[in-house]
């Protein structure tokens, strides 16, 4: 059986007595049935799933999470502060005038009202607009289908946390009626959605929290799908569209076509594309006041930051300046990730609100590299507004900072930990760029202003 391999989330559901009607994008189902708790055990798109009864109409605080699970959970405001975004938001750079495009299978039947509840809980404004489009058609939400429920959770995470980082940006969710799983399954439909986004000028930022191991795409059909995606990503770069993707949650390896982990290093596509900005994962520690303390490579029993060396793609020119110690490992191939972001559900989980669950189980906390692409998408929306133009393809800009040896002024360099997983050797975090967390996580007040100073690329 094929299993989904989105850049997986790790989810813990917390209850809420708050229940609002949903405006669904699904034909004939204005308010779909709630998901039964036993269905959650069959969800393969998330890891570490637990149900906890905790009747509360507000999001869980770090104190709540510490009391219940022994680990903190972070609010949007805490992550905004930790990564230096707060001063820019306070100055009015909230993504106004930008649109974030999010690509999903199925989508969520309750996302419009869920975002309202999420915003009310955290004191965020509603986005100027949010549209759910299904140009390839849609299917009715089946609360007994664990794959659909898993994708609804992914949609919830992506939308709510892209908005958390760019509360002034519009959001467009493009949904496919086909389940993206291992190999080529679902990828052609996702490509059609992304082409639709560019054809209709929907936005300058695309977030992708999904993918499959490159090794699942090495046959003729897989290589042809990759080739078509690469043509699209080149078009996106020409049209100044930023494309982001998670680097995966299995460290130095990924799932094969049967849902088993490869016993040797692999990387995930589309994160491995040289025309995509790949986002890895960290364990972010904040003090009791929410101030930044430290980060290491995310790596525990639940998952690890995806990263390694591509088998499909040659080393892009922007990675040529990386030092000889790195070149020895790359051997003229593309290395990922490019940057990183908080991902550890056992150090600093984030909360989501999912209205398709029963009333007692609608708030949840989650982690995984699925956090990275939508939050970086929000960050780029803010940056685009500040720059007064779309930044477009990011990687050359990021690696230029590294080539000038000034990246530590603009990014937190992660120098502790590695991403070996399930017995497969991984890669150590080192000074500068590495195959576990790339250049690291953003110091946004400095990074966004530096990006704004750079000359537009041809």
Protein backbone atom coordinates (compact mmCIF):
# COMPACT_ATOMS: atom_id res chain seq x y z
CA UNK A 1 0.00 0.00 0.00
CA UNK A 2 1.21 3.48 -0.81
CA UNK A 3 1.38 5.88 2.10
CA UNK A 4 1.44 9.65 2.05
CA UNK A 5 4.73 11.37 2.71
CA UNK A 6 3.90 15.00 3.06
CA UNK A 7 6.48 16.79 5.15
CA UNK A 8 4.67 15.14 8.04
CA UNK A 9 3.22 16.86 11.07
CA UNK A 10 3.33 15.52 14.57
CA UNK A 11 0.01 16.16 16.22
CA UNK A 12 -1.44 16.13 19.71
CA UNK A 13 -5.09 17.08 19.93
CA UNK A 14 -6.42 19.13 22.80
CA UNK A 15 -10.13 19.59 23.30
CA UNK A 16 -12.33 22.64 23.07
CA UNK A 17 -16.04 23.18 23.70
CA UNK A 18 -16.19 25.79 20.96
CA UNK A 19 -18.15 24.70 17.88
CA UNK A 20 -18.95 26.90 14.88
CA UNK A 21 -20.69 26.05 11.61
CA UNK A 22 -18.31 25.59 8.71
CA UNK A 23 -18.51 27.09 5.26
CA UNK A 24 -17.30 24.20 3.22
CA UNK A 25 -15.99 24.11 -0.31
CA UNK A 26 -17.54 20.64 -0.70
CA UNK A 27 -20.73 20.17 -2.69
CA UNK A 28 -23.81 19.52 -0.58
CA UNK A 29 -21.96 19.49 2.75
CA UNK A 30 -22.27 22.86 4.43
CA UNK A 31 -21.41 21.23 7.76
CA UNK A 32 -19.67 17.86 7.33
CA UNK A 33 -19.91 15.20 10.05
CA UNK A 34 -17.33 15.31 12.80
CA UNK A 35 -14.45 12.88 12.72
CA UNK A 36 -14.73 10.01 15.18
CA UNK A 37 -11.79 9.77 17.59
CA UNK A 38 -11.04 6.19 16.52
CA UNK A 39 -10.42 7.36 12.94
CA UNK A 40 -7.39 9.28 14.16
CA UNK A 41 -5.50 6.07 14.85
CA UNK A 42 -5.59 5.31 11.12
CA UNK A 43 -4.06 8.61 10.00
CA UNK A 44 -0.69 7.95 8.40
CA UNK A 45 0.06 11.54 7.47
CA UNK A 46 0.73 12.57 11.06
CA UNK A 47 2.86 11.02 13.77
CA UNK A 48 2.54 10.71 17.54
CA UNK A 49 -1.23 11.19 17.52
CA UNK A 50 -2.87 11.41 20.97
CA UNK A 51 -6.26 12.58 22.16
CA UNK A 52 -6.49 14.55 25.39
CA UNK A 53 -9.64 15.86 27.07
CA UNK A 54 -9.11 19.45 28.21
CA UNK A 55 -12.30 21.53 27.89
CA UNK A 56 -11.19 25.06 27.05
CA UNK A 57 -12.31 27.59 24.47
CA UNK A 58 -8.87 29.19 24.20
CA UNK A 59 -5.65 27.97 22.58
CA UNK A 60 -3.32 26.01 24.84
CA UNK A 61 -0.62 28.15 26.44
CA UNK A 62 2.95 27.02 27.06
CA UNK A 63 1.97 26.54 30.70
CA UNK A 64 -0.94 24.31 29.64
CA UNK A 65 1.35 22.21 27.46
CA UNK A 66 4.00 21.96 30.16
CA UNK A 67 1.39 20.87 32.67
CA UNK A 68 -0.19 18.30 30.33
CA UNK A 69 2.79 17.01 28.34
CA UNK A 70 5.92 18.28 30.06
CA UNK A 71 6.87 20.35 26.98
CA UNK A 72 6.11 23.97 26.01
CA UNK A 73 4.08 25.05 23.00
CA UNK A 74 4.59 28.34 21.23
CA UNK A 75 2.08 30.97 20.18
CA UNK A 76 2.33 33.01 16.97
CA UNK A 77 3.50 35.96 19.02
CA UNK A 78 6.30 33.91 20.60
CA UNK A 79 7.62 32.75 17.23
CA UNK A 80 7.27 36.24 15.78
CA UNK A 81 9.38 37.54 18.65
CA UNK A 82 11.88 34.67 18.64
CA UNK A 83 12.72 35.08 14.97
CA UNK A 84 12.73 38.88 14.99
CA UNK A 85 9.52 39.50 13.06
CA UNK A 86 7.71 41.57 15.68
CA UNK A 87 9.37 44.94 14.86
CA UNK A 88 8.49 44.53 11.18
CA UNK A 89 4.88 43.64 11.94
CA UNK A 90 4.67 46.61 14.32
CA UNK A 91 5.99 48.82 11.51
CA UNK A 92 3.11 47.70 9.29
CA UNK A 93 4.92 45.10 7.18
CA UNK A 94 2.33 42.34 7.53
CA UNK A 95 2.21 41.04 3.96
CA UNK A 96 -0.36 43.58 2.81
CA UNK A 97 -0.87 43.42 -0.93
CA UNK A 98 0.61 39.90 -1.17
CA UNK A 99 -1.09 36.54 -1.70
CA UNK A 100 0.17 33.17 -0.45
CA UNK A 101 -0.82 30.14 -2.55
CA UNK A 102 -1.06 26.84 -0.66
CA UNK A 103 -1.27 23.49 -2.49
CA UNK A 104 -3.12 20.57 -0.85
CA UNK A 105 -4.96 17.34 -1.55
CA UNK A 106 -8.66 17.56 -0.58
CA UNK A 107 -8.29 20.57 1.73
CA UNK A 108 -10.31 21.10 4.90
CA UNK A 109 -14.11 21.36 5.00
CA UNK A 110 -14.04 23.88 7.86
CA UNK A 111 -10.98 26.01 7.15
CA UNK A 112 -12.81 29.35 6.80
CA UNK A 113 -14.37 29.21 10.25
CA UNK A 114 -11.34 27.47 11.74
CA UNK A 115 -9.11 30.38 10.81
CA UNK A 116 -11.56 32.78 12.46
CA UNK A 117 -11.41 30.78 15.70
CA UNK A 118 -7.60 30.57 15.49
CA UNK A 119 -7.37 34.33 14.93
CA UNK A 120 -9.74 35.13 17.79
CA UNK A 121 -7.79 32.85 20.12
CA UNK A 122 -4.48 34.55 19.37
CA UNK A 123 -5.66 38.10 18.80
CA UNK A 124 -4.83 38.10 15.10
CA UNK A 125 -6.82 39.99 12.45
CA UNK A 126 -8.65 38.05 9.78
CA UNK A 127 -6.84 37.97 6.41
CA UNK A 128 -8.07 40.45 3.80
CA UNK A 129 -9.36 37.46 1.83
CA UNK A 130 -9.14 33.69 1.73
CA UNK A 131 -10.30 31.60 -1.24
CA UNK A 132 -10.53 27.85 -1.66
CA UNK A 133 -10.32 26.88 -5.34
CA UNK A 134 -10.69 23.41 -6.84
CA UNK A 135 -10.01 23.81 -10.59
CA UNK A 136 -9.64 20.02 -10.99
CA UNK A 137 -12.84 19.27 -9.08
CA UNK A 138 -13.40 18.20 -5.49
CA UNK A 139 -14.69 15.24 -3.53
CA UNK A 140 -17.06 15.25 -0.53
CA UNK A 141 -15.31 15.23 2.81
CA UNK A 142 -15.42 11.75 4.31
CA UNK A 143 -14.74 11.88 8.07
CA UNK A 144 -14.14 8.11 7.96
CA UNK A 145 -11.29 8.45 5.46
CA UNK A 146 -8.03 8.82 7.37
CA UNK A 147 -6.18 10.17 4.32
CA UNK A 148 -8.70 12.98 3.87
CA UNK A 149 -8.59 13.75 7.59
CA UNK A 150 -4.80 13.84 7.46
CA UNK A 151 -4.83 16.30 4.57
CA UNK A 152 -7.44 18.40 6.36
CA UNK A 153 -5.02 18.64 9.28
CA UNK A 154 -2.19 19.60 6.93
CA UNK A 155 -4.36 22.29 5.34
CA UNK A 156 -5.25 23.61 8.79
CA UNK A 157 -1.61 23.89 9.81
CA UNK A 158 -0.51 25.49 6.55
CA UNK A 159 -3.24 28.11 6.41
CA UNK A 160 -3.30 29.11 10.06
CA UNK A 161 0.47 29.47 10.38
CA UNK A 162 1.10 31.15 7.05
CA UNK A 163 -1.45 33.70 8.24
CA UNK A 164 0.21 33.92 11.67
CA UNK A 165 3.43 35.20 10.06
CA UNK A 166 1.72 37.47 7.51
CA UNK A 167 -1.64 38.57 8.95
CA UNK A 168 -2.08 41.16 6.18
CA UNK A 169 -1.62 38.76 3.27
CA UNK A 170 -4.42 37.15 1.30
CA UNK A 171 -4.53 33.34 1.05
CA UNK A 172 -5.52 31.08 -1.83
CA UNK A 173 -5.84 27.34 -1.18
CA UNK A 174 -5.73 25.17 -4.30
CA UNK A 175 -7.04 21.66 -3.67
CA UNK A 176 -6.66 18.47 -5.66
CA UNK A 177 -9.27 15.66 -5.65
CA UNK A 178 -6.39 13.14 -5.80
CA UNK A 179 -4.44 11.92 -2.78
CA UNK A 180 -0.70 12.66 -3.16
CA UNK A 181 1.13 9.61 -1.83
CA UNK A 182 4.41 7.91 -2.67
CA UNK A 183 5.96 8.12 -6.12
CA UNK A 184 4.13 9.95 -8.89
CA UNK A 185 0.68 9.49 -7.33
CA UNK A 186 -0.94 12.92 -7.05
CA UNK A 187 2.06 14.88 -8.30
CA UNK A 188 0.71 15.58 -11.82
CA UNK A 189 -2.42 17.08 -10.27
CA UNK A 190 -0.36 19.25 -7.94
CA UNK A 191 1.61 20.47 -10.94
CA UNK A 192 -1.62 21.39 -12.71
CA UNK A 193 -2.69 23.39 -9.65
CA UNK A 194 0.60 25.27 -9.56
CA UNK A 195 0.39 25.99 -13.27
CA UNK A 196 -3.15 27.26 -12.68
CA UNK A 197 -1.80 29.60 -9.99
CA UNK A 198 0.68 31.15 -12.40
CA UNK A 199 -1.71 31.19 -15.35
CA UNK A 200 -4.20 33.17 -13.26
CA UNK A 201 -1.60 35.32 -11.43
CA UNK A 202 -2.90 34.22 -8.04
CA UNK A 203 0.17 35.15 -5.99
CA UNK A 204 3.95 35.44 -5.78
CA UNK A 205 4.50 32.79 -3.06
CA UNK A 206 3.78 29.04 -3.24
CA UNK A 207 3.94 26.81 -0.14
CA UNK A 208 4.40 23.03 -0.56
CA UNK A 209 4.25 20.84 2.57
CA UNK A 210 4.48 17.53 0.72
CA UNK A 211 6.79 15.37 -1.35
CA UNK A 212 8.21 11.92 -1.96
CA UNK A 213 11.68 10.37 -1.82
CA UNK A 214 13.71 10.94 -4.97
CA UNK A 215 14.28 7.16 -5.07
CA UNK A 216 10.56 6.73 -5.70
CA UNK A 217 10.92 8.80 -8.87
CA UNK A 218 13.92 7.19 -10.54
CA UNK A 219 11.92 5.22 -13.13
CA UNK A 220 10.96 6.68 -16.52
CA UNK A 221 7.55 7.93 -15.37
CA UNK A 222 8.98 9.52 -12.26
CA UNK A 223 11.77 11.27 -14.11
CA UNK A 224 9.27 12.66 -16.60
CA UNK A 225 7.15 14.09 -13.77
CA UNK A 226 10.26 15.66 -12.23
CA UNK A 227 11.20 17.15 -15.60
CA UNK A 228 7.77 18.78 -15.94
CA UNK A 229 8.01 20.21 -12.42
CA UNK A 230 11.44 21.64 -13.21
CA UNK A 231 10.07 23.42 -16.27
CA UNK A 232 7.40 24.89 -14.05
CA UNK A 233 9.82 25.96 -11.32
CA UNK A 234 11.95 27.72 -13.93
CA UNK A 235 8.87 29.57 -15.10
CA UNK A 236 8.08 30.50 -11.50
CA UNK A 237 11.57 31.92 -11.02
CA UNK A 238 11.25 33.97 -14.22
CA UNK A 239 7.89 35.30 -13.01
CA UNK A 240 9.32 36.26 -9.59
CA UNK A 241 7.38 33.61 -7.68
CA UNK A 242 8.98 32.17 -4.53
CA UNK A 243 8.49 28.41 -4.12
CA UNK A 244 9.08 26.73 -0.73
CA UNK A 245 9.04 23.08 0.32
CA UNK A 246 9.64 21.08 3.49
CA UNK A 247 12.75 18.87 3.60
CA UNK A 248 10.93 15.93 5.23
CA UNK A 249 10.61 14.46 8.71
CA UNK A 250 12.80 11.37 8.46
CA UNK A 251 16.24 12.92 8.75
CA UNK A 252 18.73 11.48 6.29
CA UNK A 253 16.22 9.00 4.84
CA UNK A 254 12.61 8.81 3.59
CA UNK A 255 9.80 6.35 2.94
CA UNK A 256 9.86 3.93 0.01
CA UNK A 257 6.85 2.97 -2.12
CA UNK A 258 5.70 0.49 0.53
CA UNK A 259 5.88 2.96 3.38
CA UNK A 260 9.14 1.63 4.83
CA UNK A 261 12.19 3.76 5.49
CA UNK A 262 15.05 3.35 3.07
CA UNK A 263 18.10 1.85 4.84
CA UNK A 264 20.41 4.42 3.25
CA UNK A 265 20.45 8.20 2.77
CA UNK A 266 17.84 9.78 0.49
CA UNK A 267 16.28 13.22 0.05
CA UNK A 268 12.77 14.34 -0.73
CA UNK A 269 11.44 15.95 -3.93
CA UNK A 270 10.40 18.74 -4.61
CA UNK A 271 12.60 20.09 -1.80
CA UNK A 272 15.62 18.74 -3.70
CA UNK A 273 14.89 20.88 -6.76
CA UNK A 274 17.57 23.56 -7.18
CA UNK A 275 14.75 26.01 -8.01
CA UNK A 276 12.92 25.42 -4.70
CA UNK A 277 13.86 26.75 -1.26
CA UNK A 278 14.01 23.70 1.04
CA UNK A 279 13.17 24.24 4.72
CA UNK A 280 14.60 21.91 7.37
CA UNK A 281 13.70 21.61 11.05
CA UNK A 282 15.16 22.68 14.39
CA UNK A 283 14.49 22.33 18.11
CA UNK A 284 13.90 25.90 19.28
CA UNK A 285 14.32 26.75 22.97
CA UNK A 286 12.85 29.91 24.47
CA UNK A 287 13.13 31.15 28.06
CA UNK A 288 10.16 31.78 30.34
CA UNK A 289 9.72 35.21 28.78
CA UNK A 290 9.67 33.77 25.28
CA UNK A 291 13.11 35.10 24.36
CA UNK A 292 15.33 33.16 21.96
CA UNK A 293 17.84 30.91 23.71
CA UNK A 294 19.21 28.28 21.35
CA UNK A 295 18.47 25.86 18.53
CA UNK A 296 19.75 22.45 17.56
CA UNK A 297 18.94 20.06 14.71
CA UNK A 298 15.52 18.53 15.32
CA UNK A 299 16.13 14.83 15.92
CA UNK A 300 14.25 12.55 18.30
CA UNK A 301 12.19 9.36 18.18
CA UNK A 302 9.32 11.21 16.48
CA UNK A 303 11.37 12.47 13.52
CA UNK A 304 14.30 14.54 12.35
CA UNK A 305 15.16 17.36 9.98
CA UNK A 306 15.29 16.10 6.40
CA UNK A 307 18.53 16.77 4.57
CA UNK A 308 21.19 15.26 2.37
CA UNK A 309 22.49 15.01 -1.18
CA UNK A 310 20.30 14.75 -4.26
CA UNK A 311 20.62 11.87 -6.71
CA UNK A 312 18.56 13.67 -9.36
CA UNK A 313 20.07 17.15 -9.49
CA UNK A 314 23.54 18.47 -10.15
CA UNK A 315 25.01 21.07 -7.86
CA UNK A 316 23.54 24.48 -8.68
CA UNK A 317 25.89 27.38 -9.29
CA UNK A 318 24.83 29.12 -6.09
CA UNK A 319 26.27 26.22 -4.04
CA UNK A 320 29.68 26.32 -5.75
CA UNK A 321 31.14 28.76 -3.17
CA UNK A 322 30.48 26.31 -0.31
CA UNK A 323 33.78 25.21 1.28
CA UNK A 324 35.85 22.18 0.20
CA UNK A 325 34.68 20.17 3.22
CA UNK A 326 31.11 20.46 1.90
CA UNK A 327 32.05 19.89 -1.73
CA UNK A 328 33.64 16.58 -0.76
CA UNK A 329 30.23 15.40 0.45
CA UNK A 330 28.13 16.95 -2.32
CA UNK A 331 30.26 15.49 -5.13
CA UNK A 332 28.75 17.96 -7.60
CA UNK A 333 25.14 17.30 -6.53
CA UNK A 334 22.48 19.53 -5.00
CA UNK A 335 22.42 19.56 -1.20
CA UNK A 336 19.43 20.38 1.05
CA UNK A 337 18.04 22.06 3.07
CA UNK A 338 18.66 25.73 2.31
CA UNK A 339 17.24 27.17 5.54
CA UNK A 340 15.42 25.86 8.60
CA UNK A 341 12.64 26.63 11.06
CA UNK A 342 11.25 25.41 14.38
CA UNK A 343 9.85 21.88 13.98
CA UNK A 344 10.27 19.88 17.20
CA UNK A 345 6.90 18.89 18.76
CA UNK A 346 8.66 17.92 21.97
CA UNK A 347 10.43 21.24 22.53
CA UNK A 348 8.17 23.89 21.01
CA UNK A 349 4.98 22.63 19.42
CA UNK A 350 2.51 25.01 17.76
CA UNK A 351 -1.28 24.98 18.07
CA UNK A 352 -3.93 24.55 15.40
CA UNK A 353 -7.72 24.63 15.51
CA UNK A 354 -9.57 21.95 13.51
CA UNK A 355 -13.36 22.35 13.50
CA UNK A 356 -14.04 19.03 11.76
CA UNK A 357 -13.15 17.19 14.98
CA UNK A 358 -15.72 16.57 17.74
CA UNK A 359 -16.32 19.59 20.00
CA UNK A 360 -14.13 18.20 22.76
CA UNK A 361 -11.07 17.77 20.53
CA UNK A 362 -10.63 20.83 18.33
CA UNK A 363 -7.44 22.46 19.54
CA UNK A 364 -4.22 20.60 18.82
CA UNK A 365 -0.47 21.03 19.05
CA UNK A 366 1.77 19.99 16.22
CA UNK A 367 5.32 19.97 14.86
CA UNK A 368 7.39 18.69 11.94
CA UNK A 369 8.91 20.37 8.91
CA UNK A 370 5.38 21.06 7.66
CA UNK A 371 5.66 24.15 9.83
CA UNK A 372 8.47 25.62 7.79
CA UNK A 373 7.13 26.26 4.26
CA UNK A 374 3.91 28.09 5.26
CA UNK A 375 5.66 30.20 7.89
CA UNK A 376 8.50 31.08 5.53
CA UNK A 377 5.78 31.86 2.96
CA UNK A 378 4.33 34.37 5.41
CA UNK A 379 7.77 35.79 6.05
CA UNK A 380 8.36 36.30 2.32
CA UNK A 381 4.98 38.02 2.01
CA UNK A 382 6.13 40.50 4.65
CA UNK A 383 9.45 40.91 2.85
CA UNK A 384 7.78 41.48 -0.51
CA UNK A 385 5.72 44.28 1.00
CA UNK A 386 8.80 45.88 2.54
CA UNK A 387 10.77 45.56 -0.69
CA UNK A 388 7.93 46.91 -2.78
CA UNK A 389 8.47 44.04 -5.23
CA UNK A 390 8.38 40.24 -5.19
CA UNK A 391 11.69 38.69 -4.17
CA UNK A 392 11.05 35.63 -6.32
CA UNK A 393 13.68 32.89 -6.31
CA UNK A 394 15.41 33.05 -2.90
CA UNK A 395 18.34 30.69 -3.03
CA UNK A 396 20.81 32.84 -4.93
CA UNK A 397 20.16 35.68 -2.50
CA UNK A 398 20.66 33.46 0.55
CA UNK A 399 23.86 31.85 -0.73
CA UNK A 400 25.31 35.24 -1.67
CA UNK A 401 25.13 36.16 2.01
CA UNK A 402 27.06 32.99 2.79
CA UNK A 403 29.62 33.64 0.09
CA UNK A 404 30.23 37.06 1.64
CA UNK A 405 30.59 35.41 5.08
CA UNK A 406 27.95 37.69 6.59
CA UNK A 407 25.15 35.14 6.98
CA UNK A 408 25.48 35.07 10.78
CA UNK A 409 24.23 38.67 10.84
CA UNK A 410 20.98 37.57 9.24
CA UNK A 411 20.45 33.92 10.26
CA UNK A 412 20.87 31.81 13.39
CA UNK A 413 23.67 29.39 12.55
CA UNK A 414 22.75 25.94 13.91
CA UNK A 415 25.94 24.20 14.99
CA UNK A 416 24.69 21.39 17.25
CA UNK A 417 23.11 18.04 16.41
CA UNK A 418 22.74 15.80 13.36
CA UNK A 419 19.91 14.30 11.31
CA UNK A 420 20.78 10.60 11.33
CA UNK A 421 17.56 8.61 11.74
CA UNK A 422 16.48 5.00 12.16
CA UNK A 423 20.06 3.76 11.95
CA UNK A 424 20.83 5.65 8.72
CA UNK A 425 23.89 7.88 9.15
CA UNK A 426 23.13 11.56 8.98
CA UNK A 427 24.88 14.90 8.66
CA UNK A 428 26.30 17.05 11.43
CA UNK A 429 25.37 20.65 11.99
CA UNK A 430 28.46 22.80 11.51
CA UNK A 431 29.43 26.45 11.29
CA UNK A 432 27.96 27.92 8.13
CA UNK A 433 25.83 25.87 5.75
CA UNK A 434 25.25 22.18 6.44
CA UNK A 435 23.10 19.24 5.28
CA UNK A 436 20.96 19.23 8.42
CA UNK A 437 19.69 22.83 8.69
CA UNK A 438 21.15 24.68 5.70
CA UNK A 439 22.02 28.27 6.61
CA UNK A 440 19.84 28.06 9.73
CA UNK A 441 16.81 30.02 10.92
CA UNK A 442 16.03 33.68 10.27
CA UNK A 443 16.85 36.83 12.18
CA UNK A 444 14.02 38.50 10.37
CA UNK A 445 14.48 42.17 11.24
CA UNK A 446 17.95 41.99 9.74
CA UNK A 447 17.34 39.44 6.99
CA UNK A 448 14.27 41.04 5.44
CA UNK A 449 15.87 44.47 5.36
CA UNK A 450 19.02 42.99 3.81
CA UNK A 451 16.96 41.25 1.14
CA UNK A 452 15.23 44.56 0.45
CA UNK A 453 18.62 46.20 -0.14
CA UNK A 454 19.70 43.62 -2.73
CA UNK A 455 19.28 44.55 -6.35
CA UNK A 456 16.40 42.81 -8.20
CA UNK A 457 17.52 39.71 -10.09
CA UNK A 458 17.14 39.50 -13.83
